[in-house]
């Protein structure tokens, strides 16, 4: 089984999206379950540097 990870920025985007849909209770539950099952990686200076390099490609 492959290990799945997302960045803290991605978690924030997911939570922002569902916060804009207050009636989407099922989606809220699905996102909560998803975040509990994946590793959330921190967004630090090294991550920002790597992002900048990759984005420039």
Protein backbone atom coordinates (compact mmCIF):
# COMPACT_ATOMS: atom_id res chain seq x y z
CA UNK A 1 0.00 0.00 0.00
CA UNK A 2 1.36 3.42 -0.96
CA UNK A 3 1.78 6.08 1.69
CA UNK A 4 -0.07 9.31 0.99
CA UNK A 5 0.92 12.73 2.28
CA UNK A 6 -0.30 16.27 1.72
CA UNK A 7 1.18 19.60 2.75
CA UNK A 8 -0.28 21.80 5.46
CA UNK A 9 -1.11 24.25 2.66
CA UNK A 10 -3.23 21.60 0.93
CA UNK A 11 -5.03 20.81 4.18
CA UNK A 12 -5.76 24.50 4.56
CA UNK A 13 -7.15 24.69 1.03
CA UNK A 14 -9.43 21.73 1.67
CA UNK A 15 -10.68 23.22 4.92
CA UNK A 16 -11.21 26.63 3.31
CA UNK A 17 -13.22 25.09 0.49
CA UNK A 18 -15.52 23.19 2.81
CA UNK A 19 -15.91 26.21 5.11
CA UNK A 20 -17.38 28.09 2.15
CA UNK A 21 -20.03 25.36 1.81
CA UNK A 22 -21.71 25.23 5.23
CA UNK A 23 -24.52 22.95 3.99
CA UNK A 24 -22.04 20.37 2.63
CA UNK A 25 -21.98 18.27 5.78
CA UNK A 26 -21.10 15.06 3.96
CA UNK A 27 -18.13 16.75 2.28
CA UNK A 28 -17.03 18.11 5.66
CA UNK A 29 -17.07 14.60 7.14
CA UNK A 30 -15.17 13.18 4.14
CA UNK A 31 -12.45 15.81 4.43
CA UNK A 32 -12.12 15.22 8.17
CA UNK A 33 -11.78 11.46 7.58
CA UNK A 34 -9.28 12.02 4.77
CA UNK A 35 -7.07 14.32 6.87
CA UNK A 36 -7.02 11.74 9.67
CA UNK A 37 -5.75 9.06 7.26
CA UNK A 38 -2.94 10.96 5.55
CA UNK A 39 0.28 12.47 6.78
CA UNK A 40 0.16 16.26 6.79
CA UNK A 41 3.63 17.59 6.09
CA UNK A 42 4.70 20.94 7.52
CA UNK A 43 5.24 23.93 5.25
CA UNK A 44 8.60 25.33 6.22
CA UNK A 45 11.29 27.44 4.55
CA UNK A 46 12.84 24.44 2.79
CA UNK A 47 9.43 23.50 1.40
CA UNK A 48 8.95 27.07 0.17
CA UNK A 49 12.35 26.99 -1.55
CA UNK A 50 11.60 23.69 -3.27
CA UNK A 51 8.17 24.96 -4.32
CA UNK A 52 9.75 28.05 -5.86
CA UNK A 53 12.21 25.95 -7.87
CA UNK A 54 9.56 23.51 -9.07
CA UNK A 55 7.09 26.24 -9.91
CA UNK A 56 9.70 27.96 -12.09
CA UNK A 57 10.08 24.88 -14.31
